[in-house]
Each structure stands twice: as C-alpha cells, then as structure tokens.
Amino acid sequence: MSETPYDAVLLLSFGGPEAPDQVMPFLERVLRGRNVPPERMREVAHHYELFGGVSPINGQNRALLAALRDELDAHGIALPLYWGNRNWHSLLLDTLREMQAKGVRRALAFVTSAYASYSGCRQYREDIRQAREALGLEAPRVDKLRLFYNHPGFVEANAARLRAALGQLPVERRARAPVAFTAHSVPVAVAATSAYEGQLRETCTLVAAAAGVPAWRLVFQSRSGPPSQPWLEPDVGDYLRALAAEGVRDVVVAPVGFISDHMEVVYDLDTEAREGARGLGLNLLRAGTPGTHPAFVAMIRELIDERLRPGTPRRFLGSHGAPADECEDDCCPASACPGRPV
C-alpha cells in the first residue's frame, strides 16, 4: 500500500443542467474559451428543452453512487463516497472543499469515461490538479483509477445490454440485423494523438464476441465541429442511410462509447437517429449503456480494490493488457479538442 492510505472514493463526471434556467449557463461553462457560434449553442440548448431542461446524467450518477455504495458495503470497503462534476453542480472544486473539511487526505477517483482521450481522461486529471491548486497545500490528493475499456465487467455489461436489444427481434430476423457500435466523434487530428479509436475497436471486438455477434461496424455520433475539419467517420446517420439503400430492415445501435444514457444518447440516438431511421424505413433498436448493471458496478469495486490491496488481480480481456494506473505526462494532448455538452 502507498505511504498514505486512501480514505475516500470520488465519482468524477461531466455534469449537466437540472432545470431550464441552468441550460445556457451550463453550455457557456462547457464551451468557454471555444469559438462556438451562438446559433450552435441555441441548437444544443433546444435538445435540453425537449427534456424539460434536465440532463439525465446527474440522476444516473446518483443511481450509480447508490449501487456502488451497496457494492462496497457488501465487500467490506467502508470508504465514504463523494461526487463532483467538471461542468455543473456539484462542481469538483466544491466537492474537494467538502472533502477537505471532513478530513479526507487521499482519495481514489472513478471517472465516467472508459477510453484514452483528452476530454475523457487527461482533462479530468487537469481538473483535479487545478482544483487542488485552488485549495492550497491541505487539499486532498486524488488519484484517478485506470481506464477500463477492456475490463471484463465493462465488456459483460455492454454485451448483456446488446443481447437484450437483439432479443427484441424475432429469431428469424435477429441474425440478419447489423450491429452498429457508436461513440462520440472527435477531430481526426485529436484521434491521432491518443489511443481512443484503437481502444474503441478493441471494446467493440470484445463485446461482439461476448454477445455472439459475428459482424459489426464502429460508427460515430455527436459531431460538433465545422465542416472543414475532418472528424472520425462514418457518422451514424450516414451509416443508416447506407443500410437503407442496401434494403436492410433492422439495425441495432449499441453506444459503447458511453457508460450511461445521457443527453448524447437520449437525443442524438433515441431522438435524432431514430427519427432518421424511421424516415428510411429502418427499425432501429438501441442497446442500453452499462448504467448500474451489476457487472459494471462490480468492476468499479475491483478497480478500487486494485489500489487498496496490492496484488489484487488486474483483470482484462484481449491482447493489450490492463491499462497502467498512471498516464504518461505527454499523453492525449489538448490540441483542437472540442467541448462535449452532454
């Protein structure tokens, strides 16, 4: 064990508005320092208005915290749980201030992103550093748990959701239904500086094998950059149009790039992509995200155990091994990385 025992666990996430009057301040915080046209911000605000100005992400994080509390208690891990967000309340700085007041010295942080990228990994570490600097020398130390894109618990949770979606199709149509795994697109230049795309493909391979899916395609969603800037493709909408042109009847979309059904799932897939599919004559079924699936919650507890109890097996699937606890100093640079309003 390290020289200072861990005395808390922090759930660190993106955050989202929980009332109509919070939508624009939230988006302004997400997009600060970026040259985003006002009309684009209003367009994204409308997505939230369709859901009463409430992002699903905070409620889902509360459910995950409750499930994790039960899981930790069942395995004798009595560490207190805290929750902080990058972009909305409870903000990370406020949470660290609360932890400091309660005497927390060193915490483990579970970040709600499975893959290496600037916005999904490095930026969270920068947020932690900046919050600690704002609090001064007595700020709690916070160590981020490792990436989990190839952890058996993450794979099984996604595979179970995919099997459930496929199970909604009649048996005679199930084997013919294409599976499209989706993830947030990023600029090609950003993807080239991280392992994001490669890790996504590894997850897709593992989930497809676990779910018994022989053929699949990785597609991307939620692009927000200018048309002149190349982003990872194909876009899910373009892929649906190609399937319809081939005479495909059913398609199953599995958002493996996300751990919960937040705005980029319930709007970009359940609303926008589903409406597009309906217009094309496609029956679109959407697999769930890991959420509070028992295998996923157990995975978080295993990641915590790895740091609390040296020698705990570090489980992984595939050929790339378990990701390291610490990232390289120069990993996933910020160049051209967009904001992600979820």
Protein backbone atom coordinates (compact mmCIF):
# COMPACT_ATOMS: atom_id res chain seq x y z
CA MET A 1 0.00 0.00 0.00
CA SER A 2 1.11 3.58 -0.63
CA GLU A 3 2.57 5.71 2.13
CA THR A 4 -0.82 7.41 2.70
CA PRO A 5 -3.90 5.16 2.92
CA TYR A 6 -6.86 6.03 0.76
CA ASP A 7 -9.74 7.34 2.83
CA ALA A 8 -12.42 8.21 0.24
CA VAL A 9 -13.74 7.46 -3.25
CA LEU A 10 -14.74 10.21 -5.67
CA LEU A 11 -17.11 9.77 -8.63
CA LEU A 12 -15.98 12.35 -11.18
CA SER A 13 -18.23 13.10 -14.13
CA PHE A 14 -19.25 15.70 -16.70
CA GLY A 15 -22.32 17.21 -15.09
CA GLY A 16 -25.48 18.61 -16.62
CA PRO A 17 -28.33 21.07 -16.01
CA GLU A 18 -31.30 20.11 -13.87
CA ALA A 19 -33.65 23.00 -14.66
CA PRO A 20 -34.43 25.12 -17.74
CA ASP A 21 -32.70 28.22 -16.33
CA GLN A 22 -29.48 26.23 -15.90
CA VAL A 23 -29.14 25.17 -19.56
CA MET A 24 -27.42 28.25 -21.01
CA PRO A 25 -25.07 28.82 -18.03
CA PHE A 26 -24.12 25.15 -18.27
CA LEU A 27 -23.41 25.37 -22.00
CA GLU A 28 -21.46 28.59 -21.55
CA ARG A 29 -19.27 26.83 -18.99
CA VAL A 30 -18.77 23.78 -21.23
CA LEU A 31 -17.87 25.87 -24.26
CA ARG A 32 -15.87 28.64 -22.55
CA GLY A 33 -12.77 29.61 -24.48
CA ARG A 34 -14.02 27.99 -27.69
CA ASN A 35 -15.24 29.80 -30.77
CA VAL A 36 -18.72 28.29 -30.88
CA PRO A 37 -21.34 30.27 -32.86
CA PRO A 38 -24.34 31.42 -30.79
CA GLU A 39 -26.71 29.60 -33.13
CA ARG A 40 -24.96 26.30 -32.39
CA MET A 41 -25.30 26.92 -28.65
CA ARG A 42 -29.02 27.65 -29.09
CA GLU A 43 -29.39 24.47 -31.13
CA VAL A 44 -27.86 22.37 -28.35
CA ALA A 45 -29.98 24.20 -25.74
CA HIS A 46 -33.07 23.09 -27.66
CA HIS A 47 -32.04 19.46 -27.12
CA TYR A 48 -32.30 20.03 -23.37
CA GLU A 49 -35.59 21.91 -23.73
CA LEU A 50 -37.13 18.79 -25.25
CA PHE A 51 -36.41 17.07 -21.91
CA GLY A 52 -37.62 19.87 -19.66
CA GLY A 53 -34.17 21.45 -19.39
CA VAL A 54 -32.89 18.45 -17.44
CA SER A 55 -29.90 16.32 -18.43
CA PRO A 56 -30.29 12.66 -17.46
CA ILE A 57 -26.64 12.38 -16.40
CA ASN A 58 -26.96 13.64 -12.83
CA GLY A 59 -29.80 11.29 -11.94
CA GLN A 60 -27.87 8.41 -13.46
CA ASN A 61 -24.79 9.28 -11.43
CA ARG A 62 -26.88 9.33 -8.26
CA ALA A 63 -28.14 5.85 -9.12
CA LEU A 64 -24.58 4.69 -9.79
CA LEU A 65 -23.41 6.09 -6.45
CA ALA A 66 -26.18 4.22 -4.62
CA ALA A 67 -25.35 0.96 -6.40
CA LEU A 68 -21.64 1.42 -5.72
CA ARG A 69 -22.31 2.11 -2.03
CA ASP A 70 -24.13 -1.23 -1.78
CA GLU A 71 -21.32 -2.99 -3.65
CA LEU A 72 -18.58 -1.54 -1.45
CA ASP A 73 -20.51 -2.32 1.72
CA ALA A 74 -21.04 -5.92 0.59
CA HIS A 75 -17.27 -6.33 0.23
CA GLY A 76 -16.22 -4.60 3.43
CA ILE A 77 -14.97 -1.36 1.85
CA ALA A 78 -16.16 1.37 4.19
CA LEU A 79 -14.71 4.38 2.37
CA PRO A 80 -17.07 7.36 2.05
CA LEU A 81 -18.29 8.24 -1.45
CA TYR A 82 -18.22 11.74 -2.93
CA TRP A 83 -19.40 13.11 -6.28
CA GLY A 84 -18.03 16.01 -8.27
CA ASN A 85 -18.52 17.29 -11.84
CA ARG A 86 -16.43 19.13 -14.37
CA ASN A 87 -19.14 21.44 -15.66
CA TRP A 88 -22.08 21.68 -13.24
CA HIS A 89 -23.05 21.24 -9.62
CA SER A 90 -21.75 19.63 -7.62
CA LEU A 91 -18.59 21.11 -9.10
CA LEU A 92 -15.32 19.32 -8.44
CA LEU A 93 -13.82 22.28 -6.57
CA ASP A 94 -16.79 22.40 -4.20
CA THR A 95 -16.62 18.65 -3.65
CA LEU A 96 -12.90 18.74 -2.87
CA ARG A 97 -13.54 21.60 -0.46
CA GLU A 98 -16.15 19.47 1.31
CA MET A 99 -13.77 16.51 1.39
CA GLN A 100 -11.04 18.70 2.84
CA ALA A 101 -13.38 19.97 5.55
CA LYS A 102 -14.21 16.40 6.51
CA GLY A 103 -10.56 15.46 6.83
CA VAL A 104 -10.08 13.45 3.63
CA ARG A 105 -6.40 13.23 2.80
CA ARG A 106 -6.22 10.92 -0.21
CA ALA A 107 -9.00 9.71 -2.50
CA LEU A 108 -9.45 7.42 -5.48
CA ALA A 109 -11.38 8.91 -8.41
CA PHE A 110 -13.56 6.90 -10.77
CA VAL A 111 -14.02 8.95 -13.94
CA THR A 112 -17.09 8.16 -16.03
CA SER A 113 -15.14 7.61 -19.25
CA ALA A 114 -13.63 4.31 -20.35
CA TYR A 115 -11.19 5.44 -23.04
CA ALA A 116 -7.99 7.42 -23.51
CA SER A 117 -8.57 10.87 -24.97
CA TYR A 118 -8.07 14.46 -23.94
CA SER A 119 -11.66 15.12 -22.90
CA GLY A 120 -12.22 11.63 -21.49
CA CYS A 121 -9.04 11.26 -19.44
CA ARG A 122 -6.37 13.93 -19.41
CA GLN A 123 -8.75 16.85 -18.96
CA TYR A 124 -10.17 15.22 -15.83
CA ARG A 125 -6.65 14.91 -14.42
CA GLU A 126 -6.08 18.58 -15.22
CA ASP A 127 -9.35 19.46 -13.49
CA ILE A 128 -8.18 17.62 -10.37
CA ARG A 129 -4.84 19.41 -10.41
CA GLN A 130 -6.46 22.85 -10.85
CA ALA A 131 -9.00 22.24 -8.08
CA ARG A 132 -6.26 21.11 -5.69
CA GLU A 133 -4.15 24.14 -6.53
CA ALA A 134 -7.13 26.39 -5.77
CA LEU A 135 -7.49 24.80 -2.33
CA GLY A 136 -3.83 25.01 -1.41
CA LEU A 137 -1.41 22.70 0.36
CA GLU A 138 -4.04 20.97 2.50
CA ALA A 139 -6.16 19.88 -0.49
CA PRO A 140 -6.90 16.16 -0.64
CA ARG A 141 -4.71 14.19 -3.01
CA VAL A 142 -6.81 12.49 -5.70
CA ASP A 143 -5.55 9.54 -7.76
CA LYS A 144 -7.52 8.59 -10.87
CA LEU A 145 -8.41 4.91 -11.34
CA ARG A 146 -7.19 3.28 -14.53
CA LEU A 147 -9.02 3.09 -17.85
CA PHE A 148 -11.41 0.16 -18.15
CA TYR A 149 -12.29 -0.22 -21.84
CA ASN A 150 -11.15 -3.88 -21.83
CA HIS A 151 -12.19 -4.84 -18.31
CA PRO A 152 -14.41 -7.98 -18.24
CA GLY A 153 -17.06 -6.16 -16.20
CA PHE A 154 -17.38 -3.34 -18.74
CA VAL A 155 -17.46 -5.81 -21.62
CA GLU A 156 -20.07 -8.04 -19.97
CA ALA A 157 -22.34 -5.11 -19.07
CA ASN A 158 -22.28 -3.88 -22.69
CA ALA A 159 -22.72 -7.40 -24.05
CA ALA A 160 -25.72 -8.00 -21.79
CA ARG A 161 -27.36 -4.79 -22.99
CA LEU A 162 -26.66 -5.76 -26.60
CA ARG A 163 -28.09 -9.26 -26.14
CA ALA A 164 -31.23 -7.74 -24.63
CA ALA A 165 -31.68 -5.43 -27.63
CA LEU A 166 -31.14 -8.26 -30.12
CA GLY A 167 -33.63 -10.32 -28.15
CA GLN A 168 -36.39 -7.85 -29.09
CA LEU A 169 -36.17 -9.01 -32.70
CA PRO A 170 -37.91 -12.13 -33.98
CA VAL A 171 -35.44 -15.01 -34.18
CA GLU A 172 -35.67 -15.19 -37.97
CA ARG A 173 -34.60 -11.52 -38.28
CA ARG A 174 -32.06 -11.38 -35.46
CA ALA A 175 -29.10 -12.89 -37.30
CA ARG A 176 -29.56 -10.52 -40.24
CA ALA A 177 -29.66 -7.32 -38.19
CA PRO A 178 -26.45 -5.27 -38.46
CA VAL A 179 -24.92 -4.05 -35.19
CA ALA A 180 -23.55 -0.51 -35.13
CA PHE A 181 -21.38 0.38 -32.15
CA THR A 182 -21.35 4.14 -31.59
CA ALA A 183 -19.03 6.56 -29.84
CA HIS A 184 -18.53 10.32 -29.73
CA SER A 185 -16.66 11.53 -32.78
CA VAL A 186 -13.56 13.68 -32.35
CA PRO A 187 -11.40 15.54 -34.87
CA VAL A 188 -9.08 13.23 -36.80
CA ALA A 189 -6.12 15.30 -35.59
CA VAL A 190 -7.16 14.68 -31.97
CA ALA A 191 -7.71 10.96 -32.55
CA ALA A 192 -4.19 10.71 -33.95
CA THR A 193 -2.70 11.84 -30.62
CA SER A 194 -4.39 9.22 -28.41
CA ALA A 195 -5.39 5.56 -28.29
CA TYR A 196 -9.08 6.49 -28.40
CA GLU A 197 -10.06 4.89 -31.69
CA GLY A 198 -7.96 1.77 -31.17
CA GLN A 199 -9.40 1.19 -27.70
CA LEU A 200 -12.92 1.64 -29.04
CA ARG A 201 -12.31 -1.00 -31.69
CA GLU A 202 -10.93 -3.35 -29.04
CA THR A 203 -14.06 -2.88 -26.94
CA CYS A 204 -16.29 -3.49 -29.95
CA THR A 205 -14.42 -6.71 -30.77
CA LEU A 206 -14.73 -7.96 -27.19
CA VAL A 207 -18.40 -7.01 -26.77
CA ALA A 208 -19.36 -8.52 -30.10
CA ALA A 209 -17.65 -11.79 -29.21
CA ALA A 210 -19.33 -11.89 -25.79
CA ALA A 211 -22.74 -11.20 -27.34
CA GLY A 212 -22.29 -13.69 -30.18
CA VAL A 213 -22.37 -11.01 -32.88
CA PRO A 214 -20.37 -12.12 -35.94
CA ALA A 215 -20.33 -8.80 -37.82
CA TRP A 216 -20.39 -5.20 -36.64
CA ARG A 217 -19.37 -1.66 -37.56
CA LEU A 218 -17.95 1.15 -35.43
CA VAL A 219 -19.64 4.43 -36.32
CA PHE A 220 -19.55 7.87 -34.73
CA GLN A 221 -22.04 10.42 -33.47
CA SER A 222 -22.44 13.87 -31.93
CA ARG A 223 -20.01 15.71 -34.19
CA SER A 224 -19.95 19.42 -33.37
CA GLY A 225 -17.06 20.88 -35.40
CA PRO A 226 -17.01 22.93 -38.62
CA PRO A 227 -17.49 21.02 -41.92
CA SER A 228 -13.96 21.97 -42.97
CA GLN A 229 -12.42 19.99 -40.10
CA PRO A 230 -12.12 16.20 -40.62
CA TRP A 231 -13.72 14.15 -37.83
CA LEU A 232 -13.85 10.42 -37.26
CA GLU A 233 -16.36 8.76 -39.57
CA PRO A 234 -18.70 7.28 -40.65
CA ASP A 235 -21.41 9.26 -38.94
CA VAL A 236 -24.27 7.14 -37.63
CA GLY A 237 -26.75 8.99 -39.86
CA ASP A 238 -24.71 8.28 -42.98
CA TYR A 239 -24.41 4.64 -41.96
CA LEU A 240 -28.18 4.32 -41.51
CA ARG A 241 -28.76 5.76 -44.98
CA ALA A 242 -26.29 3.26 -46.46
CA LEU A 243 -28.06 0.37 -44.72
CA ALA A 244 -31.44 1.51 -46.01
CA ALA A 245 -30.06 1.71 -49.56
CA GLU A 246 -28.99 -1.93 -49.20
CA GLY A 247 -32.51 -2.95 -48.22
CA VAL A 248 -31.70 -3.66 -44.57
CA ARG A 249 -34.81 -3.93 -42.37
CA ASP A 250 -33.47 -3.83 -38.80
CA VAL A 251 -30.41 -2.28 -37.13
CA VAL A 252 -29.20 -2.45 -33.53
CA VAL A 253 -27.24 0.54 -32.24
CA ALA A 254 -25.01 -0.04 -29.20
CA PRO A 255 -23.44 3.13 -27.69
CA VAL A 256 -20.27 1.57 -26.25
CA GLY A 257 -18.60 4.98 -26.12
CA PHE A 258 -20.79 5.98 -23.17
CA ILE A 259 -21.45 4.50 -19.74
CA SER A 260 -24.94 5.97 -19.18
CA ASP A 261 -27.98 7.11 -21.15
CA HIS A 262 -27.17 10.82 -21.02
CA MET A 263 -28.17 13.55 -23.48
CA GLU A 264 -25.94 12.40 -26.33
CA VAL A 265 -27.70 9.04 -26.14
CA VAL A 266 -31.31 10.05 -25.50
CA TYR A 267 -31.23 12.90 -28.04
CA ASP A 268 -28.60 12.01 -30.64
CA LEU A 269 -29.65 8.34 -30.84
CA ASP A 270 -33.12 7.90 -29.33
CA THR A 271 -34.49 11.08 -30.92
CA GLU A 272 -32.46 12.19 -33.92
CA ALA A 273 -31.12 8.86 -35.22
CA ARG A 274 -34.40 7.05 -34.54
CA GLU A 275 -36.39 9.66 -36.44
CA GLY A 276 -33.94 9.40 -39.31
CA ALA A 277 -34.20 5.61 -39.32
CA ARG A 278 -37.98 5.77 -39.29
CA GLY A 279 -37.93 8.01 -42.35
CA LEU A 280 -35.70 5.47 -44.10
CA GLY A 281 -37.98 2.56 -43.25
CA LEU A 282 -35.45 1.12 -40.78
CA ASN A 283 -36.42 -0.46 -37.47
CA LEU A 284 -33.77 0.89 -35.07
CA LEU A 285 -33.27 -0.82 -31.72
CA ARG A 286 -30.93 0.84 -29.24
CA ALA A 287 -28.95 -1.21 -26.73
CA GLY A 288 -28.63 0.21 -23.24
CA THR A 289 -25.43 1.55 -21.71
CA PRO A 290 -23.78 -0.11 -18.67
CA GLY A 291 -25.53 2.22 -16.21
CA THR A 292 -25.93 0.29 -12.96
CA HIS A 293 -25.53 -3.20 -14.45
CA PRO A 294 -24.14 -5.43 -11.66
CA ALA A 295 -21.08 -6.42 -13.71
CA PHE A 296 -20.20 -2.75 -14.26
CA VAL A 297 -20.68 -1.78 -10.62
CA ALA A 298 -18.58 -4.76 -9.54
CA MET A 299 -15.90 -3.61 -11.98
CA ILE A 300 -15.65 -0.23 -10.24
CA ARG A 301 -15.21 -2.01 -6.92
CA GLU A 302 -12.47 -4.19 -8.47
CA LEU A 303 -10.63 -1.10 -9.73
CA ILE A 304 -10.76 0.33 -6.22
CA ASP A 305 -9.53 -2.98 -4.78
CA GLU A 306 -6.53 -2.90 -7.13
CA ARG A 307 -5.33 0.27 -5.42
CA LEU A 308 -6.33 -0.60 -1.87
CA ARG A 309 -4.88 -4.11 -1.88
CA PRO A 310 -1.64 -4.53 -3.83
CA GLY A 311 -1.52 -7.89 -5.53
CA THR A 312 -5.22 -7.89 -6.41
CA PRO A 313 -5.52 -9.41 -9.93
CA ARG A 314 -5.88 -6.74 -12.60
CA ARG A 315 -8.46 -8.29 -14.89
CA PHE A 316 -8.63 -7.54 -18.60
CA LEU A 317 -9.67 -9.13 -21.89
CA GLY A 318 -7.89 -9.10 -25.23
CA SER A 319 -4.23 -8.77 -26.01
CA HIS A 320 -3.40 -5.26 -24.77
CA GLY A 321 -3.19 -5.93 -21.04
CA ALA A 322 -4.56 -3.86 -18.19
CA PRO A 323 -4.01 -0.11 -18.62
CA ALA A 324 -1.50 1.46 -16.27
CA ASP A 325 -2.60 3.41 -13.21
CA GLU A 326 -0.66 6.48 -14.28
CA CYS A 327 -0.78 8.06 -17.75
CA GLU A 328 2.33 9.34 -19.48
CA ASP A 329 2.92 13.06 -18.97
CA ASP A 330 2.52 13.81 -22.68
CA CYS A 331 -0.47 11.59 -23.41
CA CYS A 332 -3.63 12.84 -25.16
CA PRO A 333 -2.64 16.50 -25.80
CA ALA A 334 -5.39 19.09 -25.88
CA SER A 335 -4.80 20.28 -29.47
CA ALA A 336 -8.09 21.11 -31.18
CA CYS A 337 -10.17 19.13 -28.69
CA PRO A 338 -13.85 20.16 -28.70
CA GLY A 339 -16.17 20.55 -25.78
CA ARG A 340 -18.80 17.88 -25.18
CA PRO A 341 -22.17 19.18 -23.96
CA VAL A 342 -23.95 16.07 -22.64
